[in-house]
Amino acid sequence: LALLLLPVDDKSYHTIELEGVSFVAVLPCEWADRHPSGE
């Protein structure tokens, strides 16, 4: 089995889509005070 991110081009798979995952920005913790609003 493979747990991966779509899309895949090949049509030869059985596919079970998981719930979509949102994108986030990731910064070093030392930079946390630059964005106090959390966004």
PDB file of all heavy atoms in Angstrom:
ATOM      1  N   LEU A   1       0.845  -1.186   0.000  1.00  0.00           N
ATOM      2  CA  LEU A   1       0.000   0.000   0.000  1.00  0.00           C
ATOM      3  C   LEU A   1       0.880   1.236   0.000  1.00  0.00           C
ATOM      4  O   LEU A   1       2.013   1.197   0.492  1.00  0.00           O
ATOM      5  CB  LEU A   1      -0.890   0.046   1.249  1.00  0.00           C
ATOM      6  CG  LEU A   1      -1.740  -1.167   1.578  1.00  0.00           C
ATOM      7  CD1 LEU A   1      -2.278  -1.043   3.004  1.00  0.00           C
ATOM      8  CD2 LEU A   1      -2.891  -1.283   0.599  1.00  0.00           C
ATOM      9  N   ALA A   2       0.362   2.323  -0.514  1.00  0.00           N
ATOM     10  CA  ALA A   2       1.082   3.594  -0.445  1.00  0.00           C
ATOM     11  C   ALA A   2       0.136   4.669   0.081  1.00  0.00           C
ATOM     12  O   ALA A   2      -1.005   4.780  -0.377  1.00  0.00           O
ATOM     13  CB  ALA A   2       1.636   3.993  -1.802  1.00  0.00           C
ATOM     14  N   LEU A   3       0.620   5.424   1.044  1.00  0.00           N
ATOM     15  CA  LEU A   3      -0.110   6.581   1.556  1.00  0.00           C
ATOM     16  C   LEU A   3       0.587   7.801   0.993  1.00  0.00           C
ATOM     17  O   LEU A   3       1.724   8.103   1.363  1.00  0.00           O
ATOM     18  CB  LEU A   3      -0.082   6.592   3.086  1.00  0.00           C
ATOM     19  CG  LEU A   3      -0.711   7.794   3.790  1.00  0.00           C
ATOM     20  CD1 LEU A   3      -2.181   7.929   3.430  1.00  0.00           C
ATOM     21  CD2 LEU A   3      -0.544   7.683   5.294  1.00  0.00           C
ATOM     22  N   LEU A   4      -0.080   8.487   0.077  1.00  0.00           N
ATOM     23  CA  LEU A   4       0.590   9.542  -0.676  1.00  0.00           C
ATOM     24  C   LEU A   4      -0.354  10.701  -0.932  1.00  0.00           C
ATOM     25  O   LEU A   4      -1.529  10.674  -0.560  1.00  0.00           O
ATOM     26  CB  LEU A   4       1.134   8.982  -1.994  1.00  0.00           C
ATOM     27  CG  LEU A   4       0.225   8.083  -2.845  1.00  0.00           C
ATOM     28  CD1 LEU A   4      -0.878   8.851  -3.515  1.00  0.00           C
ATOM     29  CD2 LEU A   4       1.029   7.322  -3.881  1.00  0.00           C
ATOM     30  N   LEU A   5       0.178  11.725  -1.559  1.00  0.00           N
ATOM     31  CA  LEU A   5      -0.614  12.899  -1.926  1.00  0.00           C
ATOM     32  C   LEU A   5      -1.008  12.815  -3.392  1.00  0.00           C
ATOM     33  O   LEU A   5      -0.160  12.601  -4.259  1.00  0.00           O
ATOM     34  CB  LEU A   5       0.192  14.180  -1.674  1.00  0.00           C
ATOM     35  CG  LEU A   5       0.553  14.473  -0.211  1.00  0.00           C
ATOM     36  CD1 LEU A   5       1.439  15.703  -0.127  1.00  0.00           C
ATOM     37  CD2 LEU A   5      -0.693  14.664   0.637  1.00  0.00           C
ATOM     38  N   LEU A   6      -2.289  12.960  -3.653  1.00  0.00           N
ATOM     39  CA  LEU A   6      -2.756  13.001  -5.036  1.00  0.00           C
ATOM     40  C   LEU A   6      -2.349  14.333  -5.675  1.00  0.00           C
ATOM     41  O   LEU A   6      -2.073  15.289  -4.955  1.00  0.00           O
ATOM     42  CB  LEU A   6      -4.278  12.843  -5.059  1.00  0.00           C
ATOM     43  CG  LEU A   6      -4.824  11.527  -4.490  1.00  0.00           C
ATOM     44  CD1 LEU A   6      -6.347  11.518  -4.565  1.00  0.00           C
ATOM     45  CD2 LEU A   6      -4.239  10.321  -5.212  1.00  0.00           C
ATOM     46  N   PRO A   7      -2.252  14.408  -7.015  1.00  0.00           N
ATOM     47  CA  PRO A   7      -2.741  13.394  -7.937  1.00  0.00           C
ATOM     48  C   PRO A   7      -1.704  12.335  -8.269  1.00  0.00           C
ATOM     49  O   PRO A   7      -0.508  12.545  -8.095  1.00  0.00           O
ATOM     50  CB  PRO A   7      -3.049  14.225  -9.192  1.00  0.00           C
ATOM     51  CG  PRO A   7      -2.008  15.313  -9.164  1.00  0.00           C
ATOM     52  CD  PRO A   7      -1.815  15.637  -7.705  1.00  0.00           C
ATOM     53  N   VAL A   8      -2.208  11.184  -8.729  1.00  0.00           N
ATOM     54  CA  VAL A   8      -1.373  10.180  -9.378  1.00  0.00           C
ATOM     55  C   VAL A   8      -1.924  10.006 -10.781  1.00  0.00           C
ATOM     56  O   VAL A   8      -3.138  10.028 -10.992  1.00  0.00           O
ATOM     57  CB  VAL A   8      -1.375   8.841  -8.618  1.00  0.00           C
ATOM     58  CG1 VAL A   8      -0.629   8.963  -7.313  1.00  0.00           C
ATOM     59  CG2 VAL A   8      -2.789   8.341  -8.356  1.00  0.00           C
ATOM     60  N   ASP A   9      -1.040   9.840 -11.729  1.00  0.00           N
ATOM     61  CA  ASP A   9      -1.457   9.768 -13.125  1.00  0.00           C
ATOM     62  C   ASP A   9      -1.972   8.386 -13.520  1.00  0.00           C
ATOM     63  O   ASP A   9      -2.808   8.245 -14.387  1.00  0.00           O
ATOM     64  CB  ASP A   9      -0.289  10.148 -14.044  1.00  0.00           C
ATOM     65  CG  ASP A   9       0.148  11.591 -13.851  1.00  0.00           C
ATOM     66  OD1 ASP A   9      -0.733  12.414 -13.542  1.00  0.00           O
ATOM     67  OD2 ASP A   9       1.341  11.881 -13.992  1.00  0.00           O
ATOM     68  N   ASP A  10      -1.439   7.372 -12.871  1.00  0.00           N
ATOM     69  CA  ASP A  10      -1.736   6.009 -13.276  1.00  0.00           C
ATOM     70  C   ASP A  10      -3.176   5.646 -12.907  1.00  0.00           C
ATOM     71  O   ASP A  10      -3.626   5.913 -11.799  1.00  0.00           O
ATOM     72  CB  ASP A  10      -0.753   5.049 -12.603  1.00  0.00           C
ATOM     73  CG  ASP A  10      -0.650   3.727 -13.329  1.00  0.00           C
ATOM     74  OD1 ASP A  10      -1.696   3.129 -13.636  1.00  0.00           O
ATOM     75  OD2 ASP A  10       0.477   3.298 -13.586  1.00  0.00           O
ATOM     76  N   LYS A  11      -3.883   4.983 -13.825  1.00  0.00           N
ATOM     77  CA  LYS A  11      -5.268   4.575 -13.594  1.00  0.00           C
ATOM     78  C   LYS A  11      -5.361   3.132 -13.101  1.00  0.00           C
ATOM     79  O   LYS A  11      -6.451   2.571 -13.023  1.00  0.00           O
ATOM     80  CB  LYS A  11      -6.079   4.701 -14.897  1.00  0.00           C
ATOM     81  CG  LYS A  11      -6.080   6.089 -15.496  1.00  0.00           C
ATOM     82  CD  LYS A  11      -6.664   7.119 -14.536  1.00  0.00           C
ATOM     83  CE  LYS A  11      -6.707   8.495 -15.184  1.00  0.00           C
ATOM     84  NZ  LYS A  11      -7.192   9.524 -14.243  1.00  0.00           N
ATOM     85  N   SER A  12      -4.245   2.531 -12.756  1.00  0.00           N
ATOM     86  CA  SER A  12      -4.243   1.116 -12.383  1.00  0.00           C
ATOM     87  C   SER A  12      -4.342   0.894 -10.884  1.00  0.00           C
ATOM     88  O   SER A  12      -4.066  -0.192 -10.398  1.00  0.00           O
ATOM     89  CB  SER A  12      -2.970   0.440 -12.912  1.00  0.00           C
ATOM     90  OG  SER A  12      -1.808   1.031 -12.351  1.00  0.00           O
ATOM     91  N   TYR A  13      -4.730   1.921 -10.105  1.00  0.00           N
ATOM     92  CA  TYR A  13      -4.812   1.793  -8.656  1.00  0.00           C
ATOM     93  C   TYR A  13      -6.255   1.757  -8.164  1.00  0.00           C
ATOM     94  O   TYR A  13      -7.137   2.398  -8.738  1.00  0.00           O
ATOM     95  CB  TYR A  13      -4.141   2.982  -7.959  1.00  0.00           C
ATOM     96  CG  TYR A  13      -2.696   3.196  -8.311  1.00  0.00           C
ATOM     97  CD1 TYR A  13      -2.278   4.446  -8.787  1.00  0.00           C
ATOM     98  CD2 TYR A  13      -1.761   2.197  -8.181  1.00  0.00           C
ATOM     99  CE1 TYR A  13      -0.955   4.668  -9.114  1.00  0.00           C
ATOM    100  CE2 TYR A  13      -0.437   2.417  -8.500  1.00  0.00           C
ATOM    101  CZ  TYR A  13      -0.042   3.654  -8.967  1.00  0.00           C
ATOM    102  OH  TYR A  13       1.261   3.874  -9.295  1.00  0.00           O
ATOM    103  N   HIS A  14      -6.468   1.034  -7.081  1.00  0.00           N
ATOM    104  CA  HIS A  14      -7.619   1.275  -6.234  1.00  0.00           C
ATOM    105  C   HIS A  14      -7.226   2.445  -5.328  1.00  0.00           C
ATOM    106  O   HIS A  14      -6.133   2.453  -4.759  1.00  0.00           O
ATOM    107  CB  HIS A  14      -7.938   0.048  -5.375  1.00  0.00           C
ATOM    108  CG  HIS A  14      -8.502  -1.099  -6.159  1.00  0.00           C
ATOM    109  ND1 HIS A  14      -9.619  -0.992  -6.948  1.00  0.00           N
ATOM    110  CD2 HIS A  14      -8.096  -2.391  -6.265  1.00  0.00           C
ATOM    111  CE1 HIS A  14      -9.888  -2.153  -7.501  1.00  0.00           C
ATOM    112  NE2 HIS A  14      -8.984  -3.017  -7.106  1.00  0.00           N
ATOM    113  N   THR A  15      -8.112   3.401  -5.184  1.00  0.00           N
ATOM    114  CA  THR A  15      -7.787   4.616  -4.424  1.00  0.00           C
ATOM    115  C   THR A  15      -8.872   4.912  -3.400  1.00  0.00           C
ATOM    116  O   THR A  15     -10.062   4.905  -3.730  1.00  0.00           O
ATOM    117  CB  THR A  15      -7.654   5.833  -5.370  1.00  0.00           C
ATOM    118  OG1 THR A  15      -6.636   5.567  -6.336  1.00  0.00           O
ATOM    119  CG2 THR A  15      -7.290   7.087  -4.591  1.00  0.00           C
ATOM    120  N   ILE A  16      -8.457   5.140  -2.180  1.00  0.00           N
ATOM    121  CA  ILE A  16      -9.367   5.617  -1.148  1.00  0.00           C
ATOM    122  C   ILE A  16      -8.881   6.999  -0.728  1.00  0.00           C
ATOM    123  O   ILE A  16      -7.802   7.143  -0.147  1.00  0.00           O
ATOM    124  CB  ILE A  16      -9.388   4.692   0.073  1.00  0.00           C
ATOM    125  CG1 ILE A  16      -9.885   3.308  -0.307  1.00  0.00           C
ATOM    126  CG2 ILE A  16     -10.287   5.280   1.159  1.00  0.00           C
ATOM    127  CD1 ILE A  16      -9.880   2.330   0.840  1.00  0.00           C
ATOM    128  N   GLU A  17      -9.667   7.997  -1.051  1.00  0.00           N
ATOM    129  CA  GLU A  17      -9.274   9.362  -0.707  1.00  0.00           C
ATOM    130  C   GLU A  17      -9.539   9.624   0.772  1.00  0.00           C
ATOM    131  O   GLU A  17     -10.608   9.306   1.298  1.00  0.00           O
ATOM    132  CB  GLU A  17     -10.039  10.369  -1.560  1.00  0.00           C
ATOM    133  CG  GLU A  17      -9.669  10.305  -3.033  1.00  0.00           C
ATOM    134  CD  GLU A  17     -10.329  11.405  -3.837  1.00  0.00           C
ATOM    135  OE1 GLU A  17     -11.102  12.188  -3.246  1.00  0.00           O
ATOM    136  OE2 GLU A  17     -10.051  11.482  -5.047  1.00  0.00           O
ATOM    137  N   LEU A  18      -8.560  10.206   1.436  1.00  0.00           N
ATOM    138  CA  LEU A  18      -8.720  10.601   2.819  1.00  0.00           C
ATOM    139  C   LEU A  18      -9.260  12.029   2.867  1.00  0.00           C
ATOM    140  O   LEU A  18      -9.377  12.703   1.853  1.00  0.00           O
ATOM    141  CB  LEU A  18      -7.376  10.523   3.553  1.00  0.00           C
ATOM    142  CG  LEU A  18      -6.545   9.250   3.337  1.00  0.00           C
ATOM    143  CD1 LEU A  18      -5.315   9.268   4.216  1.00  0.00           C
ATOM    144  CD2 LEU A  18      -7.363   8.018   3.594  1.00  0.00           C
ATOM    145  N   GLU A  19      -9.575  12.482   4.044  1.00  0.00           N
ATOM    146  CA  GLU A  19     -10.077  13.848   4.177  1.00  0.00           C
ATOM    147  C   GLU A  19      -8.992  14.848   3.782  1.00  0.00           C
ATOM    148  O   GLU A  19      -7.820  14.675   4.128  1.00  0.00           O
ATOM    149  CB  GLU A  19     -10.510  14.100   5.626  1.00  0.00           C
ATOM    150  CG  GLU A  19     -11.157  15.464   5.838  1.00  0.00           C
ATOM    151  CD  GLU A  19     -11.685  15.625   7.256  1.00  0.00           C
ATOM    152  OE1 GLU A  19     -12.037  14.610   7.870  1.00  0.00           O
ATOM    153  OE2 GLU A  19     -11.730  16.771   7.730  1.00  0.00           O
ATOM    154  N   GLY A  20      -9.377  15.874   3.033  1.00  0.00           N
ATOM    155  CA  GLY A  20      -8.416  16.884   2.591  1.00  0.00           C
ATOM    156  C   GLY A  20      -7.714  17.564   3.754  1.00  0.00           C
ATOM    157  O   GLY A  20      -8.292  17.745   4.829  1.00  0.00           O
ATOM    158  N   VAL A  21      -6.467  17.931   3.535  1.00  0.00           N
ATOM    159  CA  VAL A  21      -5.644  18.554   4.574  1.00  0.00           C
ATOM    160  C   VAL A  21      -5.297  19.981   4.161  1.00  0.00           C
ATOM    161  O   VAL A  21      -4.905  20.229   3.016  1.00  0.00           O
ATOM    162  CB  VAL A  21      -4.342  17.747   4.809  1.00  0.00           C
ATOM    163  CG1 VAL A  21      -3.478  18.413   5.870  1.00  0.00           C
ATOM    164  CG2 VAL A  21      -4.680  16.317   5.213  1.00  0.00           C
ATOM    165  N   SER A  22      -5.450  20.930   5.078  1.00  0.00           N
ATOM    166  CA  SER A  22      -5.169  22.330   4.768  1.00  0.00           C
ATOM    167  C   SER A  22      -3.668  22.609   4.797  1.00  0.00           C
ATOM    168  O   SER A  22      -2.898  21.906   5.456  1.00  0.00           O
ATOM    169  CB  SER A  22      -5.881  23.243   5.773  1.00  0.00           C
ATOM    170  OG  SER A  22      -5.421  22.980   7.089  1.00  0.00           O
ATOM    171  N   PHE A  23      -3.267  23.659   4.088  1.00  0.00           N
ATOM    172  CA  PHE A  23      -1.875  24.109   4.104  1.00  0.00           C
ATOM    173  C   PHE A  23      -1.664  25.063   5.274  1.00  0.00           C
ATOM    174  O   PHE A  23      -2.553  25.836   5.638  1.00  0.00           O
ATOM    175  CB  PHE A  23      -1.530  24.843   2.802  1.00  0.00           C
ATOM    176  CG  PHE A  23      -1.220  23.939   1.661  1.00  0.00           C
ATOM    177  CD1 PHE A  23      -2.237  23.397   0.878  1.00  0.00           C
ATOM    178  CD2 PHE A  23       0.093  23.613   1.349  1.00  0.00           C
ATOM    179  CE1 PHE A  23      -1.961  22.575  -0.188  1.00  0.00           C
ATOM    180  CE2 PHE A  23       0.387  22.786   0.281  1.00  0.00           C
ATOM    181  CZ  PHE A  23      -0.639  22.258  -0.485  1.00  0.00           C
ATOM    182  N   VAL A  24      -0.476  25.027   5.852  1.00  0.00           N
ATOM    183  CA  VAL A  24      -0.087  25.957   6.906  1.00  0.00           C
ATOM    184  C   VAL A  24       1.321  26.458   6.622  1.00  0.00           C
ATOM    185  O   VAL A  24       2.091  25.833   5.896  1.00  0.00           O
ATOM    186  CB  VAL A  24      -0.114  25.298   8.309  1.00  0.00           C
ATOM    187  CG1 VAL A  24      -1.533  24.947   8.717  1.00  0.00           C
ATOM    188  CG2 VAL A  24       0.792  24.066   8.356  1.00  0.00           C
ATOM    189  N   ALA A  25       1.641  27.604   7.177  1.00  0.00           N
ATOM    190  CA  ALA A  25       3.013  28.117   7.115  1.00  0.00           C
ATOM    191  C   ALA A  25       3.721  27.699   8.400  1.00  0.00           C
ATOM    192  O   ALA A  25       3.136  27.731   9.486  1.00  0.00           O
ATOM    193  CB  ALA A  25       3.017  29.631   6.983  1.00  0.00           C
ATOM    194  N   VAL A  26       4.974  27.272   8.277  1.00  0.00           N
ATOM    195  CA  VAL A  26       5.739  26.803   9.431  1.00  0.00           C
ATOM    196  C   VAL A  26       6.997  27.654   9.573  1.00  0.00           C
ATOM    197  O   VAL A  26       7.783  27.783   8.629  1.00  0.00           O
ATOM    198  CB  VAL A  26       6.120  25.316   9.278  1.00  0.00           C
ATOM    199  CG1 VAL A  26       6.858  24.828  10.519  1.00  0.00           C
ATOM    200  CG2 VAL A  26       4.885  24.462   9.023  1.00  0.00           C
ATOM    201  N   LEU A  27       7.175  28.236  10.758  1.00  0.00           N
ATOM    202  CA  LEU A  27       8.305  29.108  11.067  1.00  0.00           C
ATOM    203  C   LEU A  27       9.068  28.527  12.253  1.00  0.00           C
ATOM    204  O   LEU A  27       8.501  27.765  13.050  1.00  0.00           O
ATOM    205  CB  LEU A  27       7.846  30.524  11.431  1.00  0.00           C
ATOM    206  CG  LEU A  27       7.267  31.443  10.351  1.00  0.00           C
ATOM    207  CD1 LEU A  27       5.911  30.940   9.880  1.00  0.00           C
ATOM    208  CD2 LEU A  27       7.147  32.861  10.885  1.00  0.00           C
ATOM    209  N   PRO A  28      10.335  28.908  12.423  1.00  0.00           N
ATOM    210  CA  PRO A  28      11.036  28.529  13.651  1.00  0.00           C
ATOM    211  C   PRO A  28      10.326  29.133  14.863  1.00  0.00           C
ATOM    212  O   PRO A  28       9.754  30.237  14.771  1.00  0.00           O
ATOM    213  CB  PRO A  28      12.436  29.135  13.466  1.00  0.00           C
ATOM    214  CG  PRO A  28      12.565  29.384  12.006  1.00  0.00           C
ATOM    215  CD  PRO A  28      11.194  29.681  11.503  1.00  0.00           C
ATOM    216  N   CYS A  29      10.333  28.421  15.982  1.00  0.00           N
ATOM    217  CA  CYS A  29       9.598  28.916  17.156  1.00  0.00           C
ATOM    218  C   CYS A  29      10.135  30.265  17.625  1.00  0.00           C
ATOM    219  O   CYS A  29       9.413  31.058  18.222  1.00  0.00           O
ATOM    220  CB  CYS A  29       9.665  27.882  18.281  1.00  0.00           C
ATOM    221  SG  CYS A  29      11.324  27.511  18.875  1.00  0.00           S
ATOM    222  N   GLU A  30      11.421  30.570  17.321  1.00  0.00           N
ATOM    223  CA  GLU A  30      12.010  31.844  17.736  1.00  0.00           C
ATOM    224  C   GLU A  30      11.358  33.032  17.033  1.00  0.00           C
ATOM    225  O   GLU A  30      11.501  34.178  17.474  1.00  0.00           O
ATOM    226  CB  GLU A  30      13.522  31.848  17.456  1.00  0.00           C
ATOM    227  CG  GLU A  30      14.331  30.872  18.299  1.00  0.00           C
ATOM    228  CD  GLU A  30      14.304  29.465  17.737  1.00  0.00           C
ATOM    229  OE1 GLU A  30      13.704  29.252  16.652  1.00  0.00           O
ATOM    230  OE2 GLU A  30      14.874  28.562  18.378  1.00  0.00           O
ATOM    231  N   TRP A  31      10.662  32.773  15.941  1.00  0.00           N
ATOM    232  CA  TRP A  31      10.031  33.853  15.197  1.00  0.00           C
ATOM    233  C   TRP A  31       8.541  34.013  15.550  1.00  0.00           C
ATOM    234  O   TRP A  31       7.804  34.716  14.866  1.00  0.00           O
ATOM    235  CB  TRP A  31      10.147  33.594  13.688  1.00  0.00           C
ATOM    236  CG  TRP A  31      11.571  33.502  13.200  1.00  0.00           C
ATOM    237  CD1 TRP A  31      12.702  33.699  13.923  1.00  0.00           C
ATOM    238  CD2 TRP A  31      11.996  33.184  11.866  1.00  0.00           C
ATOM    239  NE1 TRP A  31      13.828  33.518  13.147  1.00  0.00           N
ATOM    240  CE2 TRP A  31      13.424  33.204  11.873  1.00  0.00           C
ATOM    241  CE3 TRP A  31      11.343  32.886  10.678  1.00  0.00           C
ATOM    242  CZ2 TRP A  31      14.175  32.931  10.741  1.00  0.00           C
ATOM    243  CZ3 TRP A  31      12.090  32.619   9.545  1.00  0.00           C
ATOM    244  CH2 TRP A  31      13.501  32.645   9.575  1.00  0.00           C
ATOM    245  N   ALA A  32       8.097  33.333  16.600  1.00  0.00           N
ATOM    246  CA  ALA A  32       6.668  33.293  16.931  1.00  0.00           C
ATOM    247  C   ALA A  32       6.079  34.680  17.168  1.00  0.00           C
ATOM    248  O   ALA A  32       4.942  34.957  16.790  1.00  0.00           O
ATOM    249  CB  ALA A  32       6.453  32.412  18.162  1.00  0.00           C
ATOM    250  N   ASP A  33       6.865  35.591  17.788  1.00  0.00           N
ATOM    251  CA  ASP A  33       6.318  36.908  18.139  1.00  0.00           C
ATOM    252  C   ASP A  33       6.125  37.805  16.915  1.00  0.00           C
ATOM    253  O   ASP A  33       5.537  38.878  17.015  1.00  0.00           O
ATOM    254  CB  ASP A  33       7.217  37.591  19.163  1.00  0.00           C
ATOM    255  CG  ASP A  33       8.650  37.748  18.678  1.00  0.00           C
ATOM    256  OD1 ASP A  33       8.987  37.174  17.624  1.00  0.00           O
ATOM    257  OD2 ASP A  33       9.441  38.438  19.358  1.00  0.00           O
ATOM    258  N   ARG A  34       6.583  37.389  15.755  1.00  0.00           N
ATOM    259  CA  ARG A  34       6.402  38.200  14.549  1.00  0.00           C
ATOM    260  C   ARG A  34       4.954  38.172  14.053  1.00  0.00           C
ATOM    261  O   ARG A  34       4.543  39.064  13.307  1.00  0.00           O
ATOM    262  CB  ARG A  34       7.326  37.705  13.429  1.00  0.00           C
ATOM    263  CG  ARG A  34       8.812  37.755  13.778  1.00  0.00           C
ATOM    264  CD  ARG A  34       9.654  37.331  12.580  1.00  0.00           C
ATOM    265  NE  ARG A  34      11.074  37.250  12.897  1.00  0.00           N
ATOM    266  CZ  ARG A  34      12.026  36.951  12.010  1.00  0.00           C
ATOM    267  NH1 ARG A  34      11.685  36.722  10.754  1.00  0.00           N
ATOM    268  NH2 ARG A  34      13.300  36.901  12.381  1.00  0.00           N
ATOM    269  N   HIS A  35       4.227  37.136  14.436  1.00  0.00           N
ATOM    270  CA  HIS A  35       2.852  36.989  13.959  1.00  0.00           C
ATOM    271  C   HIS A  35       1.963  36.579  15.133  1.00  0.00           C
ATOM    272  O   HIS A  35       1.510  35.423  15.214  1.00  0.00           O
ATOM    273  CB  HIS A  35       2.792  35.948  12.832  1.00  0.00           C
ATOM    274  CG  HIS A  35       3.680  36.273  11.673  1.00  0.00           C
ATOM    275  ND1 HIS A  35       3.291  37.123  10.661  1.00  0.00           N
ATOM    276  CD2 HIS A  35       4.945  35.880  11.383  1.00  0.00           C
ATOM    277  CE1 HIS A  35       4.280  37.230   9.778  1.00  0.00           C
ATOM    278  NE2 HIS A  35       5.300  36.489  10.196  1.00  0.00           N
ATOM    279  N   PRO A  36       1.704  37.514  16.052  1.00  0.00           N
ATOM    280  CA  PRO A  36       0.933  37.182  17.262  1.00  0.00           C
ATOM    281  C   PRO A  36      -0.503  36.754  16.984  1.00  0.00           C
ATOM    282  O   PRO A  36      -1.125  36.101  17.809  1.00  0.00           O
ATOM    283  CB  PRO A  36       0.974  38.488  18.064  1.00  0.00           C
ATOM    284  CG  PRO A  36       1.234  39.570  17.054  1.00  0.00           C
ATOM    285  CD  PRO A  36       2.107  38.935  16.028  1.00  0.00           C
ATOM    286  N   SER A  37      -1.033  37.098  15.807  1.00  0.00           N
ATOM    287  CA  SER A  37      -2.420  36.741  15.489  1.00  0.00           C
ATOM    288  C   SER A  37      -2.581  35.263  15.152  1.00  0.00           C
ATOM    289  O   SER A  37      -3.700  34.744  15.090  1.00  0.00           O
ATOM    290  CB  SER A  37      -2.925  37.579  14.310  1.00  0.00           C
ATOM    291  OG  SER A  37      -2.211  37.249  13.124  1.00  0.00           O
ATOM    292  N   GLY A  38      -1.463  34.583  14.905  1.00  0.00           N
ATOM    293  CA  GLY A  38      -1.540  33.170  14.546  1.00  0.00           C
ATOM    294  C   GLY A  38      -1.799  32.916  13.080  1.00  0.00           C
ATOM    295  O   GLY A  38      -2.032  31.780  12.673  1.00  0.00           O
ATOM    296  N   GLU A  39      -1.750  33.960  12.260  1.00  0.00           N
ATOM    297  CA  GLU A  39      -1.930  33.772  10.829  1.00  0.00           C
ATOM    298  C   GLU A  39      -0.926  34.629  10.070  1.00  0.00           C
ATOM    299  O   GLU A  39      -0.305  35.542  10.618  1.00  0.00           O
ATOM    300  CB  GLU A  39      -3.359  34.097  10.388  1.00  0.00           C
ATOM    301  CG  GLU A  39      -3.725  35.562  10.479  1.00  0.00           C
ATOM    302  CD  GLU A  39      -5.130  35.833   9.936  1.00  0.00           C
ATOM    303  OE1 GLU A  39      -5.883  34.862   9.699  1.00  0.00           O
ATOM    304  OE2 GLU A  39      -5.453  37.017   9.748  1.00  0.00           O
TER     305      GLU A  39
END
